[in-house]
């Protein structure tokens, strides 16, 4: 009888060990950046940025204090790597006054100098809108100017507040370096 219980215990222990060693589904490494509430009009006010650095895509999920697709003109991510120096990738989603996406752009710019902007080709930029959140995702293959895999990301928004008035939200802080997951 004791041998039987020892065999059952060994089988259970082996099963638990085998299940524990099976790798799970690959997940992207993430980082959250909180932004101060009330530093911009509600439609433009970024409250949180979540950065996901996956094996094939870099994604930024921007949470707004009050999401309104029709007021949102531009949502953008600025992506830096350790070897980019003062340069950064700019991933922009442009919407018209009805909230429809009219352009998806990827560029390369030095600091805040618009004269250094260079457009880069990328066919895989995606975006989605759900409630107060908008997500922007760019394939890693499009970030070809740099070779490092860790990224830092910050977000910004441009919104319509009147017929001829546009307010730019203060950019969120950069996220910490996020390793590729």
N, C-alpha and C. Protein backbone atom coordinates (compact mmCIF):
# COMPACT_ATOMS: atom_id res chain seq x y z
N UNK A 1 0.82 -1.19 0.00
CA UNK A 1 0.00 0.00 0.00
C UNK A 1 0.86 1.26 0.00
N UNK A 2 1.95 1.26 0.75
CA UNK A 2 2.81 2.44 0.84
C UNK A 2 3.49 2.70 -0.51
N UNK A 3 3.88 1.64 -1.19
CA UNK A 3 4.50 1.83 -2.51
C UNK A 3 3.54 2.48 -3.48
N UNK A 4 2.29 2.05 -3.40
CA UNK A 4 1.28 2.61 -4.29
C UNK A 4 1.15 4.12 -4.06
N UNK A 5 1.09 4.54 -2.81
CA UNK A 5 0.98 5.99 -2.49
C UNK A 5 2.23 6.74 -2.91
N UNK A 6 3.39 6.09 -2.81
CA UNK A 6 4.63 6.75 -3.24
C UNK A 6 4.61 6.96 -4.76
N UNK A 7 4.11 5.97 -5.50
CA UNK A 7 4.02 6.11 -6.96
C UNK A 7 3.04 7.22 -7.34
N UNK A 8 1.90 7.25 -6.68
CA UNK A 8 0.91 8.30 -6.96
C UNK A 8 1.49 9.67 -6.65
N UNK A 9 2.19 9.80 -5.52
CA UNK A 9 2.83 11.06 -5.16
C UNK A 9 3.88 11.47 -6.17
N UNK A 10 4.67 10.51 -6.66
CA UNK A 10 5.70 10.80 -7.66
C UNK A 10 5.07 11.26 -8.98
N UNK A 11 3.98 10.60 -9.37
CA UNK A 11 3.29 11.00 -10.61
C UNK A 11 2.73 12.41 -10.48
N UNK A 12 2.11 12.73 -9.36
CA UNK A 12 1.55 14.07 -9.15
C UNK A 12 2.67 15.12 -9.13
N UNK A 13 3.76 14.82 -8.44
CA UNK A 13 4.88 15.77 -8.39
C UNK A 13 5.47 15.98 -9.79
N UNK A 14 5.60 14.90 -10.54
CA UNK A 14 6.12 15.01 -11.92
C UNK A 14 5.20 15.84 -12.81
N UNK A 15 3.90 15.64 -12.66
CA UNK A 15 2.93 16.40 -13.45
C UNK A 15 3.00 17.88 -13.12
N UNK A 16 3.04 18.20 -11.83
CA UNK A 16 3.12 19.61 -11.41
C UNK A 16 4.40 20.24 -11.94
N UNK A 17 5.51 19.52 -11.86
CA UNK A 17 6.79 20.03 -12.35
C UNK A 17 6.75 20.24 -13.85
N UNK A 18 6.18 19.30 -14.60
CA UNK A 18 6.11 19.41 -16.06
C UNK A 18 5.24 20.59 -16.49
N UNK A 19 4.11 20.77 -15.82
CA UNK A 19 3.23 21.90 -16.16
C UNK A 19 3.91 23.23 -15.83
N UNK A 20 4.66 23.27 -14.76
CA UNK A 20 5.35 24.50 -14.37
C UNK A 20 6.46 24.88 -15.33
N UNK A 21 7.04 23.90 -16.04
CA UNK A 21 8.14 24.18 -16.95
C UNK A 21 7.69 24.51 -18.36
N UNK A 22 6.42 24.32 -18.67
CA UNK A 22 5.91 24.64 -20.00
C UNK A 22 5.87 26.17 -20.14
N UNK A 23 6.49 26.71 -21.19
CA UNK A 23 6.47 28.16 -21.34
C UNK A 23 5.07 28.66 -21.67
N UNK A 24 4.72 29.80 -21.11
CA UNK A 24 3.42 30.41 -21.38
C UNK A 24 3.45 31.20 -22.68
N UNK A 25 2.36 31.81 -23.00
CA UNK A 25 2.29 32.63 -24.20
C UNK A 25 3.21 33.85 -24.04
N UNK A 26 3.84 34.23 -25.13
CA UNK A 26 4.75 35.39 -25.09
C UNK A 26 3.94 36.65 -24.83
N UNK A 27 4.44 37.48 -23.93
CA UNK A 27 3.78 38.74 -23.62
C UNK A 27 4.76 39.87 -23.80
N UNK A 28 4.25 41.01 -24.20
CA UNK A 28 5.08 42.18 -24.36
C UNK A 28 5.42 42.78 -23.01
N UNK A 29 6.62 43.32 -22.90
CA UNK A 29 6.99 44.03 -21.69
C UNK A 29 6.22 45.35 -21.68
N UNK A 30 5.74 45.79 -20.52
CA UNK A 30 4.92 47.00 -20.45
C UNK A 30 5.47 47.99 -19.42
N UNK A 31 5.05 49.24 -19.60
CA UNK A 31 5.38 50.31 -18.66
C UNK A 31 4.23 51.30 -18.69
N UNK A 32 3.88 51.84 -17.52
CA UNK A 32 2.82 52.84 -17.42
C UNK A 32 3.41 54.19 -17.02
N UNK A 33 2.87 55.25 -17.62
CA UNK A 33 3.25 56.62 -17.27
C UNK A 33 1.97 57.35 -16.88
N UNK A 34 1.93 57.86 -15.67
CA UNK A 34 0.78 58.67 -15.23
C UNK A 34 1.05 60.12 -15.59
N UNK A 35 0.02 60.82 -16.03
CA UNK A 35 0.14 62.24 -16.35
C UNK A 35 -0.84 63.01 -15.47
N UNK A 36 -0.45 64.20 -15.08
CA UNK A 36 -1.27 65.02 -14.20
C UNK A 36 -2.60 65.37 -14.86
N UNK A 37 -3.69 65.21 -14.13
CA UNK A 37 -5.02 65.58 -14.63
C UNK A 37 -5.18 67.09 -14.57
N UNK A 38 -5.93 67.64 -15.52
CA UNK A 38 -6.27 69.04 -15.49
C UNK A 38 -5.22 69.97 -16.08
N UNK A 39 -4.19 69.44 -16.74
CA UNK A 39 -3.19 70.31 -17.35
C UNK A 39 -3.54 70.69 -18.79
N UNK A 40 -4.72 70.30 -19.25
CA UNK A 40 -5.20 70.63 -20.59
C UNK A 40 -6.72 70.49 -20.59
N UNK A 41 -7.40 70.97 -21.65
CA UNK A 41 -8.84 70.75 -21.74
C UNK A 41 -9.16 69.25 -21.67
N UNK A 42 -10.34 68.92 -21.17
CA UNK A 42 -10.69 67.51 -20.93
C UNK A 42 -10.51 66.61 -22.13
N UNK A 43 -10.85 67.08 -23.32
CA UNK A 43 -10.76 66.24 -24.51
C UNK A 43 -9.31 65.95 -24.90
N UNK A 44 -8.37 66.79 -24.47
CA UNK A 44 -6.96 66.61 -24.83
C UNK A 44 -6.12 66.10 -23.68
N UNK A 45 -6.68 66.04 -22.49
CA UNK A 45 -5.90 65.76 -21.29
C UNK A 45 -5.54 64.28 -21.19
N UNK A 46 -4.27 63.99 -21.35
CA UNK A 46 -3.76 62.62 -21.22
C UNK A 46 -3.63 62.32 -19.73
N UNK A 47 -4.22 61.22 -19.29
CA UNK A 47 -4.09 60.84 -17.88
C UNK A 47 -3.15 59.65 -17.70
N UNK A 48 -2.98 58.83 -18.76
CA UNK A 48 -2.12 57.66 -18.63
C UNK A 48 -1.64 57.22 -20.00
N UNK A 49 -0.42 56.74 -20.05
CA UNK A 49 0.14 56.12 -21.25
C UNK A 49 0.67 54.76 -20.86
N UNK A 50 0.21 53.72 -21.55
CA UNK A 50 0.74 52.37 -21.35
C UNK A 50 1.52 51.99 -22.60
N UNK A 51 2.77 51.59 -22.40
CA UNK A 51 3.66 51.23 -23.50
C UNK A 51 3.87 49.72 -23.47
N UNK A 52 3.70 49.09 -24.63
CA UNK A 52 3.95 47.66 -24.78
C UNK A 52 4.99 47.48 -25.87
N UNK A 53 6.09 46.83 -25.54
CA UNK A 53 7.16 46.59 -26.50
C UNK A 53 7.21 45.10 -26.78
N UNK A 54 6.46 44.68 -27.78
CA UNK A 54 6.36 43.27 -28.11
C UNK A 54 7.42 42.83 -29.10
N UNK A 55 7.42 41.56 -29.44
CA UNK A 55 8.41 41.01 -30.36
C UNK A 55 8.26 41.59 -31.76
N UNK A 56 7.03 41.95 -32.15
CA UNK A 56 6.82 42.45 -33.52
C UNK A 56 6.25 43.86 -33.59
N UNK A 57 5.73 44.42 -32.46
CA UNK A 57 5.09 45.74 -32.49
C UNK A 57 5.41 46.53 -31.22
N UNK A 58 5.48 47.84 -31.37
CA UNK A 58 5.53 48.76 -30.23
C UNK A 58 4.17 49.45 -30.20
N UNK A 59 3.49 49.38 -29.06
CA UNK A 59 2.14 49.92 -28.94
C UNK A 59 2.06 50.90 -27.78
N UNK A 60 1.36 52.00 -28.01
CA UNK A 60 1.08 52.96 -26.96
C UNK A 60 -0.43 53.08 -26.80
N UNK A 61 -0.92 52.93 -25.57
CA UNK A 61 -2.35 53.09 -25.30
C UNK A 61 -2.50 54.36 -24.47
N UNK A 62 -3.16 55.35 -25.06
CA UNK A 62 -3.32 56.66 -24.44
C UNK A 62 -4.70 56.72 -23.81
N UNK A 63 -4.76 57.03 -22.50
CA UNK A 63 -6.03 57.21 -21.81
C UNK A 63 -6.25 58.71 -21.63
N UNK A 64 -7.42 59.18 -22.06
CA UNK A 64 -7.77 60.59 -21.96
C UNK A 64 -8.78 60.80 -20.85
N UNK A 65 -8.81 62.02 -20.31
CA UNK A 65 -9.78 62.31 -19.25
C UNK A 65 -11.19 62.22 -19.82
N UNK A 66 -11.41 62.68 -21.03
CA UNK A 66 -12.71 62.57 -21.70
C UNK A 66 -12.44 62.29 -23.17
N UNK A 67 -12.66 61.07 -23.59
CA UNK A 67 -12.40 60.69 -24.97
C UNK A 67 -13.49 61.17 -25.90
N UNK A 68 -13.09 61.85 -26.97
CA UNK A 68 -14.04 62.33 -27.97
C UNK A 68 -13.36 62.27 -29.32
N UNK A 69 -13.73 61.26 -30.12
CA UNK A 69 -13.13 61.06 -31.42
C UNK A 69 -13.28 62.25 -32.35
N UNK A 70 -14.39 62.95 -32.23
CA UNK A 70 -14.67 64.07 -33.14
C UNK A 70 -13.84 65.31 -32.83
N UNK A 71 -13.38 65.42 -31.58
CA UNK A 71 -12.53 66.56 -31.23
C UNK A 71 -11.05 66.25 -31.43
N UNK A 72 -10.70 64.97 -31.42
CA UNK A 72 -9.30 64.57 -31.55
C UNK A 72 -8.82 64.81 -32.98
N UNK A 73 -7.80 65.62 -33.15
CA UNK A 73 -7.22 65.86 -34.46
C UNK A 73 -6.02 64.94 -34.68
N UNK A 74 -5.08 64.98 -33.76
CA UNK A 74 -3.88 64.16 -33.90
C UNK A 74 -3.55 63.51 -32.55
N UNK A 75 -3.22 62.23 -32.61
CA UNK A 75 -2.62 61.53 -31.46
C UNK A 75 -1.27 61.03 -31.94
N UNK A 76 -0.24 61.24 -31.13
CA UNK A 76 1.08 60.83 -31.58
C UNK A 76 1.88 60.19 -30.47
N UNK A 77 2.79 59.31 -30.90
CA UNK A 77 3.76 58.69 -30.01
C UNK A 77 5.14 59.14 -30.46
N UNK A 78 6.00 59.46 -29.50
CA UNK A 78 7.41 59.73 -29.78
C UNK A 78 8.19 58.58 -29.18
N UNK A 79 8.92 57.87 -30.03
CA UNK A 79 9.63 56.67 -29.62
C UNK A 79 11.14 56.90 -29.75
N UNK A 80 11.85 56.65 -28.65
CA UNK A 80 13.31 56.77 -28.64
C UNK A 80 13.93 55.44 -28.25
N UNK A 81 15.09 55.17 -28.79
CA UNK A 81 15.89 54.03 -28.37
C UNK A 81 17.20 54.55 -27.80
N UNK A 82 17.97 53.68 -27.19
CA UNK A 82 19.22 54.13 -26.56
C UNK A 82 20.23 54.63 -27.58
N UNK A 83 20.15 54.16 -28.81
CA UNK A 83 21.12 54.60 -29.80
C UNK A 83 20.57 55.68 -30.74
N UNK A 84 19.43 56.30 -30.39
CA UNK A 84 18.85 57.33 -31.27
C UNK A 84 19.37 58.73 -30.95
N UNK A 85 20.06 58.89 -29.83
CA UNK A 85 20.58 60.22 -29.47
C UNK A 85 19.45 61.21 -29.27
N UNK A 86 19.53 62.37 -29.94
CA UNK A 86 18.48 63.38 -29.82
C UNK A 86 17.34 63.15 -30.81
N UNK A 87 17.46 62.15 -31.66
CA UNK A 87 16.44 61.85 -32.65
C UNK A 87 15.37 60.96 -32.05
N UNK A 88 14.15 61.03 -32.61
CA UNK A 88 13.04 60.19 -32.15
C UNK A 88 12.13 59.87 -33.33
N UNK A 89 11.50 58.72 -33.25
CA UNK A 89 10.45 58.37 -34.22
C UNK A 89 9.17 59.08 -33.79
N UNK A 90 8.39 59.56 -34.76
CA UNK A 90 7.08 60.15 -34.50
C UNK A 90 6.04 59.32 -35.23
N UNK A 91 5.13 58.73 -34.49
CA UNK A 91 4.03 57.96 -35.08
C UNK A 91 2.77 58.78 -34.85
N UNK A 92 2.14 59.25 -35.94
CA UNK A 92 0.99 60.14 -35.82
C UNK A 92 -0.24 59.54 -36.48
N UNK A 93 -1.38 59.70 -35.80
CA UNK A 93 -2.68 59.32 -36.35
C UNK A 93 -3.48 60.62 -36.49
N UNK A 94 -3.91 60.92 -37.70
CA UNK A 94 -4.64 62.16 -37.97
C UNK A 94 -6.10 61.81 -38.24
N UNK A 95 -7.01 62.56 -37.59
CA UNK A 95 -8.46 62.35 -37.76
C UNK A 95 -9.10 63.64 -38.27
N UNK A 96 -10.21 63.48 -39.01
CA UNK A 96 -10.98 64.66 -39.43
C UNK A 96 -12.03 64.99 -38.37
N UNK A 97 -12.87 65.98 -38.61
CA UNK A 97 -13.85 66.42 -37.61
C UNK A 97 -14.96 65.40 -37.35
N UNK A 98 -15.09 64.40 -38.21
CA UNK A 98 -16.08 63.34 -37.98
C UNK A 98 -15.46 62.17 -37.20
N UNK A 99 -14.17 62.25 -36.89
CA UNK A 99 -13.50 61.20 -36.13
C UNK A 99 -12.90 60.10 -36.98
N UNK A 100 -12.96 60.22 -38.30
CA UNK A 100 -12.40 59.21 -39.20
C UNK A 100 -10.90 59.41 -39.35
N UNK A 101 -10.16 58.31 -39.37
CA UNK A 101 -8.71 58.38 -39.57
C UNK A 101 -8.44 58.77 -41.02
N UNK A 102 -7.68 59.86 -41.20
CA UNK A 102 -7.35 60.32 -42.55
C UNK A 102 -5.89 60.05 -42.91
N UNK A 103 -5.02 59.87 -41.92
CA UNK A 103 -3.61 59.61 -42.22
C UNK A 103 -2.96 58.88 -41.04
N UNK A 104 -2.04 57.99 -41.41
CA UNK A 104 -1.17 57.31 -40.45
C UNK A 104 0.25 57.61 -40.91
N UNK A 105 1.05 58.26 -40.06
CA UNK A 105 2.37 58.71 -40.49
C UNK A 105 3.45 58.23 -39.54
N UNK A 106 4.61 57.93 -40.11
CA UNK A 106 5.81 57.63 -39.33
C UNK A 106 6.90 58.55 -39.81
N UNK A 107 7.56 59.20 -38.88
CA UNK A 107 8.65 60.11 -39.24
C UNK A 107 9.80 59.99 -38.27
N UNK A 108 10.86 60.70 -38.58
CA UNK A 108 12.11 60.69 -37.81
C UNK A 108 12.50 62.14 -37.64
N UNK A 109 12.64 62.61 -36.40
CA UNK A 109 12.89 64.03 -36.17
C UNK A 109 13.89 64.22 -35.04
N UNK A 110 14.69 65.28 -35.16
CA UNK A 110 15.66 65.61 -34.11
C UNK A 110 15.03 66.60 -33.13
N UNK A 111 14.91 66.18 -31.87
CA UNK A 111 14.36 67.05 -30.83
C UNK A 111 12.99 67.58 -31.21
N UNK A 112 12.76 68.88 -31.01
CA UNK A 112 11.50 69.53 -31.38
C UNK A 112 11.65 70.39 -32.62
N UNK A 113 12.67 70.13 -33.42
CA UNK A 113 12.93 70.93 -34.62
C UNK A 113 12.16 70.37 -35.82
N UNK A 114 11.08 71.04 -36.25
CA UNK A 114 10.28 70.51 -37.36
C UNK A 114 11.02 70.51 -38.70
N UNK A 115 12.10 71.29 -38.83
CA UNK A 115 12.83 71.32 -40.10
C UNK A 115 13.64 70.05 -40.33
N UNK A 116 13.87 69.26 -39.28
CA UNK A 116 14.65 68.02 -39.42
C UNK A 116 13.76 66.81 -39.67
N UNK A 117 12.45 67.00 -39.76
CA UNK A 117 11.51 65.88 -39.93
C UNK A 117 11.75 65.19 -41.28
N UNK A 118 11.85 63.86 -41.21
CA UNK A 118 11.97 63.04 -42.42
C UNK A 118 10.90 61.96 -42.35
N UNK A 119 10.13 61.85 -43.41
CA UNK A 119 9.07 60.85 -43.46
C UNK A 119 9.68 59.47 -43.73
N UNK A 120 9.16 58.46 -43.04
CA UNK A 120 9.61 57.08 -43.23
C UNK A 120 8.42 56.25 -43.73
N UNK A 121 8.69 55.27 -44.56
CA UNK A 121 7.62 54.42 -45.08
C UNK A 121 7.29 53.32 -44.08
N UNK A 122 5.99 53.13 -43.86
CA UNK A 122 5.53 52.06 -42.98
C UNK A 122 4.06 51.78 -43.29
N UNK A 123 3.78 50.56 -43.72
CA UNK A 123 2.41 50.20 -44.08
C UNK A 123 1.63 49.56 -42.95
N UNK A 124 2.27 49.27 -41.82
CA UNK A 124 1.61 48.49 -40.79
C UNK A 124 1.14 49.26 -39.57
N UNK A 125 1.05 50.59 -39.62
CA UNK A 125 0.60 51.36 -38.46
C UNK A 125 -0.90 51.13 -38.26
N UNK A 126 -1.28 50.78 -37.03
CA UNK A 126 -2.69 50.55 -36.74
C UNK A 126 -3.13 51.43 -35.57
N UNK A 127 -4.44 51.64 -35.50
CA UNK A 127 -5.01 52.43 -34.40
C UNK A 127 -6.38 51.88 -34.06
N UNK A 128 -6.79 52.10 -32.83
CA UNK A 128 -8.13 51.70 -32.39
C UNK A 128 -8.60 52.70 -31.34
N UNK A 129 -9.92 52.82 -31.21
CA UNK A 129 -10.51 53.74 -30.23
C UNK A 129 -11.56 52.98 -29.46
N UNK A 130 -11.47 53.04 -28.12
CA UNK A 130 -12.46 52.38 -27.29
C UNK A 130 -12.66 53.22 -26.03
N UNK A 131 -13.83 53.82 -25.90
CA UNK A 131 -14.12 54.64 -24.73
C UNK A 131 -13.20 55.84 -24.63
N UNK A 132 -12.43 55.90 -23.55
CA UNK A 132 -11.50 57.01 -23.34
C UNK A 132 -10.09 56.66 -23.80
N UNK A 133 -9.93 55.51 -24.42
CA UNK A 133 -8.60 55.04 -24.82
C UNK A 133 -8.45 55.00 -26.33
N UNK A 134 -7.28 55.42 -26.77
CA UNK A 134 -6.91 55.24 -28.17
C UNK A 134 -5.55 54.55 -28.19
N UNK A 135 -5.40 53.60 -29.07
CA UNK A 135 -4.12 52.89 -29.15
C UNK A 135 -3.49 53.15 -30.51
N UNK A 136 -2.17 53.22 -30.50
CA UNK A 136 -1.39 53.39 -31.71
C UNK A 136 -0.32 52.31 -31.68
N UNK A 137 -0.18 51.59 -32.79
CA UNK A 137 0.77 50.49 -32.84
C UNK A 137 1.58 50.56 -34.12
N UNK A 138 2.88 50.36 -34.01
CA UNK A 138 3.77 50.40 -35.18
C UNK A 138 4.62 49.13 -35.18
N UNK A 139 4.81 48.52 -36.36
CA UNK A 139 5.66 47.32 -36.42
C UNK A 139 7.11 47.66 -36.10
N UNK A 140 7.79 46.76 -35.43
CA UNK A 140 9.19 46.95 -35.10
C UNK A 140 10.04 47.08 -36.37
N UNK A 141 9.66 46.38 -37.43
CA UNK A 141 10.43 46.44 -38.67
C UNK A 141 10.48 47.84 -39.27
N UNK A 142 9.52 48.70 -38.93
CA UNK A 142 9.50 50.07 -39.44
C UNK A 142 10.47 50.99 -38.69
N UNK A 143 10.90 50.58 -37.51
CA UNK A 143 11.84 51.39 -36.73
C UNK A 143 13.26 51.01 -37.12
N UNK A 144 13.61 51.30 -38.38
CA UNK A 144 14.84 50.77 -38.98
C UNK A 144 16.05 51.68 -38.81
N UNK A 145 15.88 52.89 -38.30
CA UNK A 145 17.01 53.80 -38.15
C UNK A 145 17.88 53.48 -36.94
N UNK A 146 17.38 52.67 -36.04
CA UNK A 146 18.11 52.31 -34.84
C UNK A 146 18.14 50.79 -34.70
N UNK A 147 19.07 50.30 -33.89
CA UNK A 147 19.20 48.85 -33.76
C UNK A 147 18.88 48.34 -32.35
N UNK A 148 18.80 49.21 -31.37
CA UNK A 148 18.54 48.78 -30.00
C UNK A 148 17.08 48.36 -29.85
N UNK A 149 16.83 47.43 -28.92
CA UNK A 149 15.49 46.89 -28.78
C UNK A 149 14.69 47.54 -27.66
N UNK A 150 15.35 48.21 -26.72
CA UNK A 150 14.62 48.91 -25.65
C UNK A 150 14.11 50.25 -26.17
N UNK A 151 12.90 50.60 -25.77
CA UNK A 151 12.31 51.87 -26.22
C UNK A 151 11.82 52.69 -25.04
N UNK A 152 11.78 54.02 -25.24
CA UNK A 152 11.13 54.96 -24.33
C UNK A 152 10.09 55.67 -25.19
N UNK A 153 8.89 55.87 -24.65
CA UNK A 153 7.80 56.45 -25.43
C UNK A 153 7.13 57.56 -24.64
N UNK A 154 6.72 58.62 -25.34
CA UNK A 154 5.86 59.64 -24.76
C UNK A 154 4.72 59.91 -25.73
N UNK A 155 3.62 60.46 -25.24
CA UNK A 155 2.43 60.67 -26.07
C UNK A 155 2.05 62.14 -26.08
N UNK A 156 1.35 62.55 -27.14
CA UNK A 156 0.83 63.90 -27.24
C UNK A 156 -0.47 63.90 -28.02
N UNK A 157 -1.27 64.94 -27.84
CA UNK A 157 -2.54 65.05 -28.54
C UNK A 157 -2.74 66.47 -29.06
N UNK A 158 -3.45 66.58 -30.16
CA UNK A 158 -3.94 67.84 -30.70
C UNK A 158 -5.44 67.71 -30.83
N UNK A 159 -6.20 68.67 -30.33
CA UNK A 159 -7.66 68.56 -30.42
C UNK A 159 -8.27 69.85 -30.94
N UNK A 160 -9.44 69.71 -31.53
CA UNK A 160 -10.26 70.86 -31.92
C UNK A 160 -11.04 71.30 -30.70
N UNK A 161 -10.98 72.58 -30.35
CA UNK A 161 -11.80 73.08 -29.25
C UNK A 161 -12.79 74.12 -29.75
N UNK A 162 -12.69 74.48 -30.99
CA UNK A 162 -13.60 75.45 -31.60
C UNK A 162 -13.38 75.39 -33.10
N UNK A 163 -14.02 76.26 -33.83
CA UNK A 163 -13.92 76.21 -35.29
C UNK A 163 -12.50 76.46 -35.78
N UNK A 164 -11.79 77.34 -35.11
CA UNK A 164 -10.43 77.64 -35.57
C UNK A 164 -9.43 77.61 -34.43
N UNK A 165 -9.73 76.84 -33.43
CA UNK A 165 -8.89 76.80 -32.24
C UNK A 165 -8.39 75.38 -32.00
N UNK A 166 -7.09 75.22 -31.86
CA UNK A 166 -6.52 73.91 -31.57
C UNK A 166 -5.68 74.03 -30.30
N UNK A 167 -5.83 73.09 -29.40
CA UNK A 167 -5.05 73.06 -28.15
C UNK A 167 -4.14 71.84 -28.19
N UNK A 168 -2.89 72.02 -27.85
CA UNK A 168 -1.94 70.91 -27.79
C UNK A 168 -1.72 70.54 -26.34
N UNK A 169 -1.98 69.31 -25.98
CA UNK A 169 -1.75 68.86 -24.60
C UNK A 169 -0.25 68.79 -24.36
N UNK A 170 0.13 69.13 -23.14
CA UNK A 170 1.52 68.91 -22.77
C UNK A 170 1.82 67.44 -22.99
N UNK A 171 2.95 67.18 -23.57
CA UNK A 171 3.32 65.80 -23.80
C UNK A 171 3.49 65.09 -22.46
N UNK A 172 3.13 63.82 -22.43
CA UNK A 172 3.37 63.04 -21.22
C UNK A 172 4.88 62.89 -21.05
N UNK A 173 5.29 62.47 -19.88
CA UNK A 173 6.71 62.17 -19.68
C UNK A 173 7.07 60.93 -20.49
N UNK A 174 8.38 60.74 -20.73
CA UNK A 174 8.81 59.50 -21.37
C UNK A 174 8.64 58.34 -20.39
N UNK A 175 8.30 57.19 -20.93
CA UNK A 175 8.25 55.98 -20.11
C UNK A 175 9.68 55.58 -19.76
N UNK A 176 9.81 54.66 -18.84
CA UNK A 176 11.14 54.10 -18.58
C UNK A 176 11.53 53.26 -19.80
N UNK A 177 12.79 52.86 -19.89
CA UNK A 177 13.20 51.96 -20.97
C UNK A 177 12.44 50.65 -20.84
N UNK A 178 11.77 50.25 -21.92
CA UNK A 178 10.98 49.02 -21.92
C UNK A 178 11.66 48.02 -22.84
N UNK A 179 12.06 46.90 -22.27
CA UNK A 179 12.73 45.87 -23.07
C UNK A 179 11.74 45.20 -23.99
N UNK A 180 12.24 44.62 -25.05
CA UNK A 180 11.36 43.90 -25.97
C UNK A 180 10.96 42.59 -25.34
N UNK A 181 9.64 42.32 -25.36
CA UNK A 181 9.11 41.13 -24.68
C UNK A 181 8.85 39.97 -25.58
